[in-house]
């Protein structure tokens, strides 16, 4: 008898977001956007101050 594979945990669910296969990818994208916005705010505040 072959044992049935365990059910995937809720953390392994697909995010159902186009272009992303895992939640880790979504989190990295959001964090990357945040870093870019902070850098742009710093640059613009120096440029326009």
Protein backbone atom coordinates (compact mmCIF):
# COMPACT_ATOMS: atom_id res chain seq x y z
CA UNK A 1 0.00 0.00 0.00
CA UNK A 2 1.19 3.45 -0.87
CA UNK A 3 0.54 6.06 1.81
CA UNK A 4 -1.35 9.11 0.61
CA UNK A 5 0.72 12.30 0.44
CA UNK A 6 0.03 14.79 3.21
CA UNK A 7 -2.29 17.67 2.47
CA UNK A 8 -0.41 20.87 1.64
CA UNK A 9 -0.27 23.29 4.51
CA UNK A 10 -2.10 26.62 4.16
CA UNK A 11 1.27 28.37 3.81
CA UNK A 12 1.92 26.52 0.54
CA UNK A 13 -1.13 27.90 -1.25
CA UNK A 14 -0.69 29.72 -4.53
CA UNK A 15 -1.31 33.47 -4.17
CA UNK A 16 -3.58 33.61 -7.28
CA UNK A 17 -1.74 36.76 -8.38
CA UNK A 18 -0.67 36.88 -12.04
CA UNK A 19 3.10 36.63 -12.41
CA UNK A 20 3.77 35.19 -8.96
CA UNK A 21 4.01 31.49 -8.11
CA UNK A 22 4.48 31.86 -4.35
CA UNK A 23 3.73 34.24 -1.53
CA UNK A 24 7.45 34.74 -1.06
CA UNK A 25 7.64 36.28 -4.53
CA UNK A 26 4.76 38.63 -3.70
CA UNK A 27 6.42 39.70 -0.44
CA UNK A 28 9.78 40.29 -2.15
CA UNK A 29 8.09 42.38 -4.86
CA UNK A 30 6.26 44.53 -2.30
CA UNK A 31 9.41 44.98 -0.23
CA UNK A 32 11.39 45.90 -3.35
CA UNK A 33 8.77 48.51 -4.32
CA UNK A 34 8.93 49.94 -0.79
CA UNK A 35 12.72 50.24 -0.98
CA UNK A 36 12.51 51.95 -4.39
CA UNK A 37 9.93 54.46 -3.11
CA UNK A 38 12.04 55.30 -0.04
CA UNK A 39 15.13 55.82 -2.22
CA UNK A 40 13.17 58.02 -4.64
CA UNK A 41 11.77 60.08 -1.76
CA UNK A 42 15.29 60.63 -0.43
CA UNK A 43 16.60 61.64 -3.85
CA UNK A 44 13.68 63.96 -4.62
CA UNK A 45 13.89 65.62 -1.21
CA UNK A 46 17.57 66.41 -1.87
CA UNK A 47 16.91 67.58 -5.41
CA UNK A 48 13.89 69.78 -4.71
CA UNK A 49 14.94 71.07 -1.28
